[in-house]
Amino acid sequence: MAWSRLNGLILISGAFGMFDKKIAIDAGGYNHNTVGEDMELVIRMRRYMEERKAKYRVVYLLIHYAGQKRRVISRS
């Protein structure tokens, strides 16, 4: 949760993460030819937002669903 406060999260589980669909698609979507497609997507989404000087946050949300915690990247 500390990395979330610093906007420093780079790994979001693809199975349990929530992403802004438009940003994910505009950043190139999932690359199925990589071992860590969830981390790779987050890095590309961060780069996409940084290059456009757009405000964004990658946060750890304590939303419990079937005992799982969620993380999300979204526009600020």
N, C-alpha and C. Protein backbone atom coordinates (compact mmCIF):
# COMPACT_ATOMS: atom_id res chain seq x y z
N MET A 1 0.81 -1.18 0.00
CA MET A 1 0.00 0.00 0.00
C MET A 1 0.86 1.26 0.00
N ALA A 2 2.08 1.17 0.52
CA ALA A 2 2.98 2.33 0.52
C ALA A 2 3.33 2.74 -0.90
N TRP A 3 3.60 1.76 -1.78
CA TRP A 3 3.92 2.08 -3.17
C TRP A 3 2.74 2.78 -3.83
N SER A 4 1.53 2.43 -3.45
CA SER A 4 0.35 3.07 -4.00
C SER A 4 0.32 4.56 -3.64
N ARG A 5 0.66 4.87 -2.41
CA ARG A 5 0.68 6.27 -1.97
C ARG A 5 1.72 7.09 -2.72
N LEU A 6 2.78 6.42 -3.17
CA LEU A 6 3.84 7.10 -3.93
C LEU A 6 3.60 7.03 -5.43
N ASN A 7 2.48 6.45 -5.85
CA ASN A 7 2.17 6.20 -7.26
C ASN A 7 3.30 5.39 -7.90
N GLY A 8 3.78 4.39 -7.17
CA GLY A 8 4.91 3.61 -7.63
C GLY A 8 4.61 2.16 -7.97
N LEU A 9 3.36 1.76 -7.97
CA LEU A 9 3.02 0.38 -8.29
C LEU A 9 3.32 0.10 -9.76
N ILE A 10 3.99 -1.02 -10.01
CA ILE A 10 4.23 -1.41 -11.41
C ILE A 10 3.67 -2.79 -11.72
N LEU A 11 3.23 -3.51 -10.69
CA LEU A 11 2.69 -4.84 -10.92
C LEU A 11 1.25 -4.89 -10.43
N ILE A 12 0.36 -5.17 -11.34
CA ILE A 12 -1.05 -5.34 -11.02
C ILE A 12 -1.46 -6.67 -11.62
N SER A 13 -1.98 -7.55 -10.80
CA SER A 13 -2.38 -8.85 -11.29
C SER A 13 -3.44 -8.69 -12.38
N GLY A 14 -3.16 -9.25 -13.54
CA GLY A 14 -4.12 -9.18 -14.64
C GLY A 14 -5.43 -9.85 -14.32
N ALA A 15 -5.39 -10.86 -13.46
CA ALA A 15 -6.61 -11.58 -13.10
C ALA A 15 -7.49 -10.76 -12.17
N PHE A 16 -6.89 -9.91 -11.35
CA PHE A 16 -7.65 -9.18 -10.35
C PHE A 16 -7.53 -7.67 -10.46
N GLY A 17 -6.87 -7.18 -11.48
CA GLY A 17 -6.70 -5.74 -11.66
C GLY A 17 -7.86 -5.14 -12.41
N MET A 18 -8.05 -3.85 -12.22
CA MET A 18 -9.05 -3.09 -12.98
C MET A 18 -8.29 -1.99 -13.71
N PHE A 19 -8.53 -1.87 -15.00
CA PHE A 19 -7.82 -0.91 -15.82
C PHE A 19 -8.82 0.00 -16.54
N ASP A 20 -8.41 1.22 -16.80
CA ASP A 20 -9.19 2.10 -17.67
C ASP A 20 -9.07 1.52 -19.08
N LYS A 21 -10.17 1.06 -19.62
CA LYS A 21 -10.17 0.34 -20.90
C LYS A 21 -9.55 1.17 -22.02
N LYS A 22 -9.92 2.44 -22.11
CA LYS A 22 -9.41 3.30 -23.19
C LYS A 22 -7.90 3.45 -23.10
N ILE A 23 -7.38 3.68 -21.89
CA ILE A 23 -5.93 3.83 -21.71
C ILE A 23 -5.24 2.52 -22.07
N ALA A 24 -5.78 1.40 -21.61
CA ALA A 24 -5.17 0.10 -21.90
C ALA A 24 -5.11 -0.15 -23.41
N ILE A 25 -6.19 0.13 -24.10
CA ILE A 25 -6.22 -0.09 -25.56
C ILE A 25 -5.29 0.89 -26.27
N ASP A 26 -5.36 2.17 -25.88
CA ASP A 26 -4.51 3.18 -26.52
C ASP A 26 -3.02 2.91 -26.28
N ALA A 27 -2.70 2.26 -25.15
CA ALA A 27 -1.30 1.93 -24.85
C ALA A 27 -0.86 0.65 -25.55
N GLY A 28 -1.76 0.01 -26.28
CA GLY A 28 -1.40 -1.18 -27.06
C GLY A 28 -2.07 -2.47 -26.63
N GLY A 29 -2.82 -2.44 -25.52
CA GLY A 29 -3.53 -3.63 -25.06
C GLY A 29 -2.58 -4.71 -24.56
N TYR A 30 -3.15 -5.87 -24.27
CA TYR A 30 -2.35 -7.00 -23.79
C TYR A 30 -1.47 -7.55 -24.89
N ASN A 31 -0.23 -7.83 -24.53
CA ASN A 31 0.70 -8.50 -25.42
C ASN A 31 0.79 -9.95 -24.94
N HIS A 32 0.22 -10.86 -25.70
CA HIS A 32 0.19 -12.27 -25.29
C HIS A 32 1.52 -12.98 -25.55
N ASN A 33 2.48 -12.29 -26.13
CA ASN A 33 3.79 -12.89 -26.43
C ASN A 33 4.83 -12.53 -25.38
N THR A 34 4.41 -12.28 -24.16
CA THR A 34 5.32 -11.96 -23.07
C THR A 34 4.97 -12.81 -21.85
N VAL A 35 5.92 -13.00 -20.98
CA VAL A 35 5.68 -13.81 -19.79
C VAL A 35 4.85 -13.05 -18.77
N GLY A 36 5.12 -11.76 -18.60
CA GLY A 36 4.43 -10.95 -17.60
C GLY A 36 3.56 -9.88 -18.24
N GLU A 37 2.52 -10.32 -18.95
CA GLU A 37 1.72 -9.35 -19.71
C GLU A 37 1.05 -8.32 -18.82
N ASP A 38 0.71 -8.65 -17.58
CA ASP A 38 0.08 -7.67 -16.71
C ASP A 38 1.06 -6.55 -16.33
N MET A 39 2.28 -6.91 -15.94
CA MET A 39 3.28 -5.90 -15.60
C MET A 39 3.69 -5.11 -16.84
N GLU A 40 3.85 -5.79 -17.95
CA GLU A 40 4.24 -5.14 -19.20
C GLU A 40 3.19 -4.12 -19.61
N LEU A 41 1.91 -4.45 -19.44
CA LEU A 41 0.83 -3.53 -19.77
C LEU A 41 0.87 -2.30 -18.87
N VAL A 42 1.08 -2.50 -17.58
CA VAL A 42 1.13 -1.37 -16.64
C VAL A 42 2.28 -0.43 -17.01
N ILE A 43 3.44 -0.99 -17.34
CA ILE A 43 4.58 -0.17 -17.73
C ILE A 43 4.25 0.64 -18.99
N ARG A 44 3.62 -0.01 -19.98
CA ARG A 44 3.25 0.71 -21.21
C ARG A 44 2.19 1.77 -20.93
N MET A 45 1.25 1.47 -20.04
CA MET A 45 0.22 2.46 -19.71
C MET A 45 0.84 3.66 -19.00
N ARG A 46 1.78 3.40 -18.10
CA ARG A 46 2.48 4.50 -17.43
C ARG A 46 3.24 5.36 -18.45
N ARG A 47 3.97 4.71 -19.34
CA ARG A 47 4.72 5.43 -20.37
C ARG A 47 3.77 6.26 -21.24
N TYR A 48 2.66 5.65 -21.64
CA TYR A 48 1.66 6.33 -22.47
C TYR A 48 1.18 7.62 -21.78
N MET A 49 0.85 7.52 -20.50
CA MET A 49 0.36 8.69 -19.77
C MET A 49 1.46 9.73 -19.56
N GLU A 50 2.66 9.28 -19.25
CA GLU A 50 3.79 10.20 -19.05
C GLU A 50 4.12 10.95 -20.34
N GLU A 51 4.15 10.25 -21.47
CA GLU A 51 4.47 10.89 -22.74
C GLU A 51 3.46 11.96 -23.10
N ARG A 52 2.23 11.80 -22.65
CA ARG A 52 1.18 12.78 -22.93
C ARG A 52 1.04 13.81 -21.81
N LYS A 53 1.92 13.69 -20.82
CA LYS A 53 1.90 14.57 -19.65
C LYS A 53 0.50 14.62 -19.02
N ALA A 54 -0.17 13.46 -19.04
CA ALA A 54 -1.50 13.34 -18.46
C ALA A 54 -1.38 12.91 -17.00
N LYS A 55 -2.27 13.42 -16.18
CA LYS A 55 -2.29 13.00 -14.78
C LYS A 55 -2.88 11.60 -14.71
N TYR A 56 -2.27 10.76 -13.88
CA TYR A 56 -2.78 9.41 -13.68
C TYR A 56 -2.32 8.90 -12.33
N ARG A 57 -2.96 7.85 -11.87
CA ARG A 57 -2.57 7.20 -10.62
C ARG A 57 -2.70 5.69 -10.80
N VAL A 58 -1.79 4.98 -10.19
CA VAL A 58 -1.89 3.53 -10.06
C VAL A 58 -2.08 3.30 -8.57
N VAL A 59 -3.23 2.79 -8.18
CA VAL A 59 -3.54 2.70 -6.76
C VAL A 59 -3.93 1.29 -6.36
N TYR A 60 -3.74 1.03 -5.09
CA TYR A 60 -4.13 -0.22 -4.46
C TYR A 60 -5.44 0.05 -3.74
N LEU A 61 -6.50 -0.58 -4.18
CA LEU A 61 -7.80 -0.38 -3.55
C LEU A 61 -8.14 -1.59 -2.69
N LEU A 62 -8.66 -1.33 -1.53
CA LEU A 62 -9.07 -2.42 -0.65
C LEU A 62 -10.54 -2.76 -0.94
N ILE A 63 -10.75 -3.33 -2.09
CA ILE A 63 -12.08 -3.79 -2.47
C ILE A 63 -12.04 -5.31 -2.37
N HIS A 64 -12.83 -5.87 -1.51
CA HIS A 64 -12.81 -7.31 -1.32
C HIS A 64 -13.96 -7.96 -2.11
N TYR A 65 -13.58 -8.91 -2.90
CA TYR A 65 -14.55 -9.71 -3.64
C TYR A 65 -14.03 -11.13 -3.59
N ALA A 66 -14.74 -12.00 -2.96
CA ALA A 66 -14.30 -13.39 -2.78
C ALA A 66 -12.92 -13.44 -2.13
N GLY A 67 -12.65 -12.47 -1.24
CA GLY A 67 -11.39 -12.48 -0.49
C GLY A 67 -10.20 -11.92 -1.24
N GLN A 68 -10.37 -11.37 -2.44
CA GLN A 68 -9.25 -10.85 -3.22
C GLN A 68 -9.19 -9.34 -3.12
N LYS A 69 -7.98 -8.76 -3.12
CA LYS A 69 -7.79 -7.33 -3.12
C LYS A 69 -7.53 -6.87 -4.55
N ARG A 70 -7.90 -5.65 -4.90
CA ARG A 70 -7.79 -5.15 -6.27
C ARG A 70 -6.86 -3.96 -6.37
N ARG A 71 -6.27 -3.77 -7.56
CA ARG A 71 -5.47 -2.58 -7.87
C ARG A 71 -6.02 -2.01 -9.16
N VAL A 72 -5.82 -0.71 -9.38
CA VAL A 72 -6.40 -0.07 -10.57
C VAL A 72 -5.48 1.03 -11.06
N ILE A 73 -5.45 1.23 -12.38
CA ILE A 73 -4.79 2.40 -12.96
C ILE A 73 -5.88 3.23 -13.61
N SER A 74 -5.86 4.52 -13.34
CA SER A 74 -6.91 5.37 -13.89
C SER A 74 -6.42 6.80 -14.04
N ARG A 75 -7.20 7.57 -14.75
CA ARG A 75 -6.89 8.99 -14.86
C ARG A 75 -7.16 9.65 -13.53
N SER A 76 -6.38 10.66 -13.18
CA SER A 76 -6.59 11.38 -11.90
C SER A 76 -7.76 12.30 -12.01
